[in-house]
Amino acid sequence: MIIEAIKEFGEIYISSAEKGQHKRTNIENDTRYIEPPEGTDFVNSLLKKEIIKKEWFINPFDSKK
């Protein structure tokens, strides 16, 4: 699914935000958060296999941008 999304959109972003940060968005049934350790392992696998780029792994709630 990730590879197909990259083919369609060119680049995708994966959030490094904590679960609590996403909850503050008030989006009902938010599915963006994958529980550790599976989520962490999944993202690290995508990075290691160079399926995603490190700069796509961001915290959208980080005000340092």
C-alpha atoms as a PDB file:
ATOM      1  CA  MET A   1       0.000   0.000   0.000  1.00  0.00           C
ATOM      2  CA  ILE A   2       2.843   2.392   0.840  1.00  0.00           C
ATOM      3  CA  ILE A   3       4.605   1.721  -2.463  1.00  0.00           C
ATOM      4  CA  GLU A   4       1.351   2.284  -4.378  1.00  0.00           C
ATOM      5  CA  ALA A   5       0.787   5.569  -2.524  1.00  0.00           C
ATOM      6  CA  ILE A   6       4.303   6.712  -3.470  1.00  0.00           C
ATOM      7  CA  LYS A   7       3.675   5.746  -7.105  1.00  0.00           C
ATOM      8  CA  GLU A   8       0.470   7.780  -7.121  1.00  0.00           C
ATOM      9  CA  PHE A   9       1.506  10.814  -5.058  1.00  0.00           C
ATOM     10  CA  GLY A  10       5.294  10.908  -5.507  1.00  0.00           C
ATOM     11  CA  GLU A  11       6.005  11.348  -1.829  1.00  0.00           C
ATOM     12  CA  ILE A  12       4.174  10.593   1.373  1.00  0.00           C
ATOM     13  CA  TYR A  13       4.655  11.742   4.927  1.00  0.00           C
ATOM     14  CA  ILE A  14       4.751   9.586   8.004  1.00  0.00           C
ATOM     15  CA  SER A  15       4.143  11.292  11.307  1.00  0.00           C
ATOM     16  CA  SER A  16       6.628  10.971  14.135  1.00  0.00           C
ATOM     17  CA  ALA A  17       4.155  12.651  16.515  1.00  0.00           C
ATOM     18  CA  GLU A  18       3.133  11.043  19.763  1.00  0.00           C
ATOM     19  CA  LYS A  19      -0.340   9.517  20.032  1.00  0.00           C
ATOM     20  CA  GLY A  20      -1.521  12.331  22.303  1.00  0.00           C
ATOM     21  CA  GLN A  21      -0.620  14.948  19.722  1.00  0.00           C
ATOM     22  CA  HIS A  22      -2.916  13.321  17.171  1.00  0.00           C
ATOM     23  CA  LYS A  23      -5.759  13.057  19.677  1.00  0.00           C
ATOM     24  CA  ARG A  24      -5.759  16.835  20.040  1.00  0.00           C
ATOM     25  CA  THR A  25      -6.843  17.155  16.394  1.00  0.00           C
ATOM     26  CA  ASN A  26     -10.389  16.042  17.312  1.00  0.00           C
ATOM     27  CA  ILE A  27     -10.612  13.794  14.251  1.00  0.00           C
ATOM     28  CA  GLU A  28     -13.062  11.005  14.907  1.00  0.00           C
ATOM     29  CA  ASN A  29     -11.700   7.471  14.336  1.00  0.00           C
ATOM     30  CA  ASP A  30      -8.178   8.742  13.660  1.00  0.00           C
ATOM     31  CA  THR A  31      -6.160   5.810  12.294  1.00  0.00           C
ATOM     32  CA  ARG A  32      -2.844   7.588  11.791  1.00  0.00           C
ATOM     33  CA  TYR A  33      -1.186   6.168  14.882  1.00  0.00           C
ATOM     34  CA  ILE A  34       0.393   2.705  14.804  1.00  0.00           C
ATOM     35  CA  GLU A  35       1.218   1.386  18.259  1.00  0.00           C
ATOM     36  CA  PRO A  36       4.865   0.666  19.114  1.00  0.00           C
ATOM     37  CA  PRO A  37       6.756  -1.568  18.714  1.00  0.00           C
ATOM     38  CA  GLU A  38       5.018  -2.599  15.476  1.00  0.00           C
ATOM     39  CA  GLY A  39       4.693   0.961  14.198  1.00  0.00           C
ATOM     40  CA  THR A  40       8.302   1.779  14.971  1.00  0.00           C
ATOM     41  CA  ASP A  41       9.509  -1.450  13.381  1.00  0.00           C
ATOM     42  CA  PHE A  42       7.372  -0.817  10.294  1.00  0.00           C
ATOM     43  CA  VAL A  43       8.691   2.712   9.742  1.00  0.00           C
ATOM     44  CA  ASN A  44      12.292   1.645  10.409  1.00  0.00           C
ATOM     45  CA  SER A  45      11.874  -1.164   7.871  1.00  0.00           C
ATOM     46  CA  LEU A  46      10.580   1.295   5.254  1.00  0.00           C
ATOM     47  CA  LEU A  47      13.527   3.594   5.949  1.00  0.00           C
ATOM     48  CA  LYS A  48      16.090   0.763   5.863  1.00  0.00           C
ATOM     49  CA  LYS A  49      14.737  -0.563   2.561  1.00  0.00           C
ATOM     50  CA  GLU A  50      14.748   3.027   1.233  1.00  0.00           C
ATOM     51  CA  ILE A  51      11.055   2.795   0.392  1.00  0.00           C
ATOM     52  CA  ILE A  52      10.518   6.099   2.176  1.00  0.00           C
ATOM     53  CA  LYS A  53      12.947   8.960   2.641  1.00  0.00           C
ATOM     54  CA  LYS A  54      14.041  10.125   6.078  1.00  0.00           C
ATOM     55  CA  GLU A  55      12.748  13.640   5.329  1.00  0.00           C
ATOM     56  CA  TRP A  56       9.238  12.191   4.866  1.00  0.00           C
ATOM     57  CA  PHE A  57       9.237  11.105   8.526  1.00  0.00           C
ATOM     58  CA  ILE A  58       8.088  14.316  10.225  1.00  0.00           C
ATOM     59  CA  ASN A  59       6.149  15.623  13.200  1.00  0.00           C
ATOM     60  CA  PRO A  60       3.350  17.757  11.701  1.00  0.00           C
ATOM     61  CA  PHE A  61       2.773  19.341  15.101  1.00  0.00           C
ATOM     62  CA  ASP A  62       6.375  20.532  15.448  1.00  0.00           C
ATOM     63  CA  SER A  63       6.411  24.326  15.356  1.00  0.00           C
ATOM     64  CA  LYS A  64      10.099  24.437  14.352  1.00  0.00           C
ATOM     65  CA  LYS A  65       9.197  24.397  10.650  1.00  0.00           C
END
